[in-house]
Structures are given as structure tokens and as C-alpha cells.
Amino acid sequence: MQPDSKDNPCTEKPSHGHPILRFLSKLNFLPKTHDFYGFFKRSGDNIVAGAATLRQMISNESDREALLKILDDQEHIGDRITHDVIELLHKTFLTPIDREDIHKLVNTLDDVMDSIHTTGNRLSLYQLHRMPAEVANLADTLLRSTEELSNVVATLQDLKNSTAIQKRCIEIGRLENEADETFNKVLRDIYHNGYPPQDIIQIKELIENLERTTDRCKDVAVIIQGIVLKHS
């Protein structure tokens, strides 16, 4: 004869007040915060701020030193965000997307900010007084690229909205192509319009850094497209 389940403690379902459940409720399996998406958004916003500062440095020669100090602070903020995300990865068991993708994404975002900072440093160091107008246009393209980047990072939490995410990633790629075209225009200008050899070398490095930074933005877009594909 089978024992009555009411009399069998092994078959009794624990209630919410059961000692086992009270014990488990006190365990902290997950950290109090694991808002990776919030970190991504902060990084994206900081990158836009850095690109805007760099754009001002190109237009305002007299303010470059003061603006460089602002850019230094923005680069430090980017480093802090990256450090915090990686530290959180080590503490968090469950993550909203693959751990490898989080690590790759946050480091590539940091690469964008580092590239902006490097460009600002070179601009301040060279103290260029005369540059083709297209240099400012190239910086404008970079700023628009970072704005698209910030927007797509902010919507990454809604992976179901893959169409909107993909549209922004495509626009980042288009802006990268636009930067390539502007880069070539600047090269033609500095080689054919009487710029001194030293200025040619310095302007060439400057626009290479600007163009390379739009490449880094596209790198982030490619990572995000891969994340979307994994969750589609």
C-alpha cells in the first residue's frame, strides 16, 4: 500500500514559508546590477561628445588647448566605462547577450573613443593654421557616424526590432564610404594647391586618423549586426 502523500514528508511541496525557500531567497545568485545596455548607451553618448569636441577643435584654432583637456576627460570616461563593463562580466553569471560579444563590443567602442582622442592630440600638436575645408566636412561625417552609432547602441536592448537596427548599421557603412570619398578630395587638394611639405604630411596624418575612426564605427556596426543575427 502506497503511503498517503499527506503523511509523506518527501512528497510535500514546500510553501513560500518553507525553511528551504527562505534560505534560497537570501542567496544572491546575480549581482545587484547588470545593466550592460546602460553601459553601452553611456559609451555611445560619450563617443558622440568626443566627436563633437574634435569637430570644435578643427574649427576653433584658438580654443584647441582648452578643448583638448575636455577631450582628455571624455577619453578617461570611456576607459572607465570599458573597465566597469569588463569588471561586471567577471562578476555576472548570466548576461543578456553572449559574454564574448559584450567584451568585443565594449572594447571596439573604446577603440572609437581612443581614435578620436588620438586625432585631437595630433591636431593640437601640429598647430595647423591652414587646412582644406573638406577636413571639417570629414569631421562632420565622423560626428554623424558616431550619432548613428550611439542610436543603434541605445536600441540594442530591443533585439526584436532588427529592421531598425540593421537600417542604422547600413547608414554607418554609408557614412564610412562618404568619409573615404572626402579623404580622397582632401588628398588632391593638399597635393595640388601649394601646401608646404610639412603641412602635407601633418594634414595627411590628420585625415587618415579621421577616416580610420569612421572605420572603427563601422567595426562596431558589424559586431552589432552579428549580435542581431544570433538572436533573430
Protein backbone atom coordinates (compact mmCIF):
# COMPACT_ATOMS: atom_id res chain seq x y z
CA MET A 1 0.00 0.00 0.00
CA GLN A 2 1.41 3.43 -1.05
CA PRO A 3 1.76 5.91 1.79
CA ASP A 4 -0.56 8.85 1.75
CA SER A 5 1.24 11.86 0.29
CA LYS A 6 -0.08 13.93 3.14
CA ASP A 7 1.85 11.73 5.55
CA ASN A 8 5.00 11.51 3.42
CA PRO A 9 7.38 14.46 4.03
CA CYS A 10 9.31 13.61 0.85
CA THR A 11 6.30 14.45 -1.33
CA GLU A 12 5.28 17.57 0.49
CA LYS A 13 5.58 20.70 -1.64
CA PRO A 14 7.34 23.47 0.21
CA SER A 15 5.32 26.61 0.72
CA HIS A 16 6.67 30.13 0.45
CA GLY A 17 7.29 30.00 4.18
CA HIS A 18 9.22 26.76 3.98
CA PRO A 19 12.73 26.97 5.53
CA ILE A 20 14.38 25.86 2.25
CA LEU A 21 12.73 28.64 0.25
CA ARG A 22 13.52 31.19 2.92
CA PHE A 23 17.16 30.11 2.72
CA LEU A 24 17.28 30.24 -1.09
CA SER A 25 15.67 33.67 -1.16
CA LYS A 26 18.58 35.03 0.85
CA LEU A 27 21.17 33.84 -1.67
CA ASN A 28 22.42 36.43 -4.15
CA PHE A 29 22.98 34.47 -7.35
CA LEU A 30 23.20 37.62 -9.51
CA PRO A 31 24.82 40.96 -8.79
CA LYS A 32 22.57 43.82 -7.78
CA THR A 33 23.17 45.50 -11.14
CA HIS A 34 23.93 44.01 -14.52
CA ASP A 35 22.72 46.78 -16.78
CA PHE A 36 25.10 46.17 -19.66
CA TYR A 37 22.81 48.05 -22.03
CA GLY A 38 23.09 51.12 -19.82
CA PHE A 39 26.88 50.95 -20.06
CA PHE A 40 26.66 50.63 -23.86
CA LYS A 41 24.45 53.72 -24.05
CA ARG A 42 26.81 55.72 -21.83
CA SER A 43 29.72 54.72 -24.05
CA GLY A 44 27.84 55.70 -27.19
CA ASP A 45 26.82 59.08 -25.77
CA ASN A 46 30.39 59.73 -24.65
CA ILE A 47 31.71 58.95 -28.13
CA VAL A 48 29.32 61.48 -29.67
CA ALA A 49 30.50 64.09 -27.16
CA GLY A 50 34.12 63.32 -28.07
CA ALA A 51 33.45 63.62 -31.80
CA ALA A 52 31.70 66.96 -31.20
CA THR A 53 34.70 68.20 -29.22
CA LEU A 54 37.05 67.15 -32.00
CA ARG A 55 34.87 68.94 -34.56
CA GLN A 56 35.14 72.13 -32.49
CA MET A 57 38.92 71.75 -32.29
CA ILE A 58 39.14 71.75 -36.08
CA SER A 59 37.06 74.94 -36.40
CA ASN A 60 38.40 76.85 -33.39
CA GLU A 61 42.17 77.06 -33.53
CA SER A 62 42.41 79.47 -30.59
CA ASP A 63 40.47 77.10 -28.30
CA ARG A 64 42.25 73.87 -29.16
CA GLU A 65 44.21 73.52 -25.93
CA ALA A 66 41.14 74.01 -23.76
CA LEU A 67 39.11 71.68 -25.93
CA LEU A 68 41.85 69.05 -25.77
CA LYS A 69 41.52 69.00 -21.98
CA ILE A 70 37.81 68.30 -22.41
CA LEU A 71 38.63 65.55 -24.88
CA ASP A 72 41.12 64.08 -22.39
CA ASP A 73 38.35 63.86 -19.80
CA GLN A 74 36.00 62.25 -22.31
CA GLU A 75 38.61 59.65 -23.19
CA HIS A 76 39.06 58.86 -19.48
CA ILE A 77 35.30 58.42 -19.13
CA GLY A 78 35.39 55.94 -22.00
CA ASP A 79 38.18 53.99 -20.32
CA ARG A 80 36.21 53.91 -17.07
CA ILE A 81 33.11 52.56 -18.79
CA THR A 82 35.12 49.85 -20.51
CA HIS A 83 36.78 48.88 -17.23
CA ASP A 84 33.43 48.76 -15.42
CA VAL A 85 31.86 46.52 -18.08
CA ILE A 86 34.75 44.06 -18.06
CA GLU A 87 34.72 44.01 -14.26
CA LEU A 88 30.97 43.34 -14.31
CA LEU A 89 31.49 40.50 -16.78
CA HIS A 90 33.70 38.77 -14.23
CA LYS A 91 31.02 39.12 -11.56
CA THR A 92 27.94 38.22 -13.58
CA PHE A 93 26.93 34.64 -14.28
CA LEU A 94 24.06 35.40 -16.67
CA THR A 95 24.42 38.07 -19.35
CA PRO A 96 21.78 39.45 -21.77
CA ILE A 97 23.91 38.57 -24.81
CA ASP A 98 26.99 36.40 -25.30
CA ARG A 99 29.85 37.32 -22.99
CA GLU A 100 32.29 37.33 -25.91
CA ASP A 101 30.08 39.76 -27.82
CA ILE A 102 29.84 42.10 -24.82
CA HIS A 103 33.61 42.06 -24.43
CA LYS A 104 34.19 42.66 -28.14
CA LEU A 105 31.56 45.39 -28.35
CA VAL A 106 32.72 47.43 -25.38
CA ASN A 107 36.37 47.24 -26.45
CA THR A 108 35.57 48.29 -30.02
CA LEU A 109 33.51 51.21 -28.72
CA ASP A 110 36.56 52.16 -26.67
CA ASP A 111 38.66 51.95 -29.85
CA VAL A 112 36.42 54.58 -31.44
CA MET A 113 36.92 56.94 -28.50
CA ASP A 114 40.67 56.29 -28.42
CA SER A 115 40.91 57.09 -32.13
CA ILE A 116 39.01 60.37 -31.64
CA HIS A 117 41.35 61.26 -28.79
CA THR A 118 44.46 60.44 -30.84
CA THR A 119 43.23 62.68 -33.66
CA GLY A 120 42.65 65.56 -31.26
CA ASN A 121 46.13 65.13 -29.80
CA ARG A 122 47.73 65.26 -33.25
CA LEU A 123 45.69 68.33 -34.19
CA SER A 124 46.84 70.14 -31.05
CA LEU A 125 50.45 69.06 -31.51
CA TYR A 126 50.78 70.17 -35.13
CA GLN A 127 49.13 73.59 -34.61
CA LEU A 128 47.93 73.69 -38.19
CA HIS A 129 46.79 77.16 -39.30
CA ARG A 130 45.59 76.28 -42.78
CA MET A 131 43.59 73.22 -43.78
CA PRO A 132 41.27 72.39 -46.67
CA ALA A 133 37.58 72.96 -45.93
CA GLU A 134 36.96 69.26 -46.56
CA VAL A 135 38.77 68.41 -43.31
CA ALA A 136 35.85 69.95 -41.42
CA ASN A 137 33.47 68.05 -43.71
CA LEU A 138 35.28 64.82 -42.83
CA ALA A 139 34.89 65.62 -39.14
CA ASP A 140 31.18 66.29 -39.75
CA THR A 141 30.83 62.86 -41.35
CA LEU A 142 32.55 61.28 -38.36
CA LEU A 143 30.21 63.12 -35.97
CA ARG A 144 27.15 61.86 -37.87
CA SER A 145 28.60 58.36 -37.83
CA THR A 146 29.03 58.48 -34.05
CA GLU A 147 25.46 59.76 -33.67
CA GLU A 148 24.15 56.79 -35.66
CA LEU A 149 26.40 54.56 -33.58
CA SER A 150 25.03 55.95 -30.33
CA ASN A 151 21.46 55.49 -31.55
CA VAL A 152 21.96 51.89 -32.60
CA VAL A 153 23.73 51.02 -29.35
CA ALA A 154 20.84 52.56 -27.41
CA THR A 155 18.33 50.34 -29.27
CA LEU A 156 20.39 47.18 -28.89
CA GLN A 157 18.26 46.15 -25.92
CA ASP A 158 15.34 45.65 -28.31
CA LEU A 159 16.88 42.95 -30.49
CA LYS A 160 13.44 42.08 -31.87
CA ASN A 161 13.48 45.41 -33.69
CA SER A 162 16.15 44.08 -36.02
CA THR A 163 14.95 46.09 -39.04
CA ALA A 164 15.60 49.45 -37.35
CA ILE A 165 18.96 48.26 -36.01
CA GLN A 166 20.01 46.99 -39.43
CA LYS A 167 18.98 50.29 -41.05
CA ARG A 168 21.25 52.27 -38.73
CA CYS A 169 24.14 49.86 -39.27
CA ILE A 170 23.79 50.28 -43.04
CA GLU A 171 23.84 54.07 -42.60
CA ILE A 172 27.08 53.81 -40.63
CA GLY A 173 28.55 51.86 -43.53
CA ARG A 174 27.36 54.52 -45.98
CA LEU A 175 28.97 57.25 -43.90
CA GLU A 176 32.23 55.29 -43.88
CA ASN A 177 32.14 55.30 -47.69
CA GLU A 178 31.39 59.03 -47.64
CA ALA A 179 34.44 59.56 -45.44
CA ASP A 180 36.59 57.67 -47.95
CA GLU A 181 35.45 59.99 -50.74
CA THR A 182 36.12 63.12 -48.66
CA PHE A 183 39.53 61.76 -47.70
CA ASN A 184 40.47 61.50 -51.39
CA LYS A 185 39.28 65.05 -52.04
CA VAL A 186 41.49 66.39 -49.26
CA LEU A 187 44.48 64.49 -50.64
CA ARG A 188 44.00 66.02 -54.06
CA ASP A 189 43.65 69.47 -52.50
CA ILE A 190 46.82 69.40 -50.37
CA TYR A 191 48.95 67.95 -53.19
CA HIS A 192 47.81 70.42 -55.83
CA ASN A 193 47.20 73.70 -54.00
CA GLY A 194 50.60 74.80 -52.77
CA TYR A 195 50.67 73.37 -49.25
CA PRO A 196 54.18 73.15 -47.74
CA PRO A 197 55.60 69.60 -47.50
CA GLN A 198 55.41 69.61 -43.69
CA ASP A 199 51.76 70.66 -43.76
CA ILE A 200 51.01 67.97 -46.33
CA ILE A 201 52.46 65.30 -44.03
CA GLN A 202 50.58 66.56 -40.99
CA ILE A 203 47.24 67.08 -42.73
CA LYS A 204 47.53 63.67 -44.34
CA GLU A 205 48.00 62.04 -40.94
CA LEU A 206 45.10 64.01 -39.53
CA ILE A 207 42.64 62.96 -42.23
CA GLU A 208 43.90 59.37 -42.07
CA ASN A 209 43.00 59.34 -38.38
CA LEU A 210 39.58 60.83 -39.09
CA GLU A 211 38.88 58.31 -41.83
CA ARG A 212 40.18 55.46 -39.67
CA THR A 213 37.80 56.45 -36.90
CA THR A 214 34.83 56.08 -39.24
CA ASP A 215 36.20 52.60 -39.98
CA ARG A 216 36.09 51.85 -36.23
CA CYS A 217 32.45 52.97 -36.18
CA LYS A 218 31.73 50.51 -38.95
CA ASP A 219 33.53 47.79 -36.95
CA VAL A 220 31.05 48.37 -34.12
CA ALA A 221 28.15 48.17 -36.59
CA VAL A 222 29.41 44.82 -37.88
CA ILE A 223 29.59 43.45 -34.32
CA ILE A 224 26.03 44.61 -33.66
CA GLN A 225 24.81 43.01 -36.88
CA GLY A 226 26.35 39.75 -35.74
CA ILE A 227 24.61 40.01 -32.36
CA VAL A 228 21.27 40.62 -34.09
CA LEU A 229 21.78 37.58 -36.31
CA LYS A 230 22.41 35.36 -33.28
CA HIS A 231 19.12 36.47 -31.73
CA SER A 232 16.94 36.53 -34.84
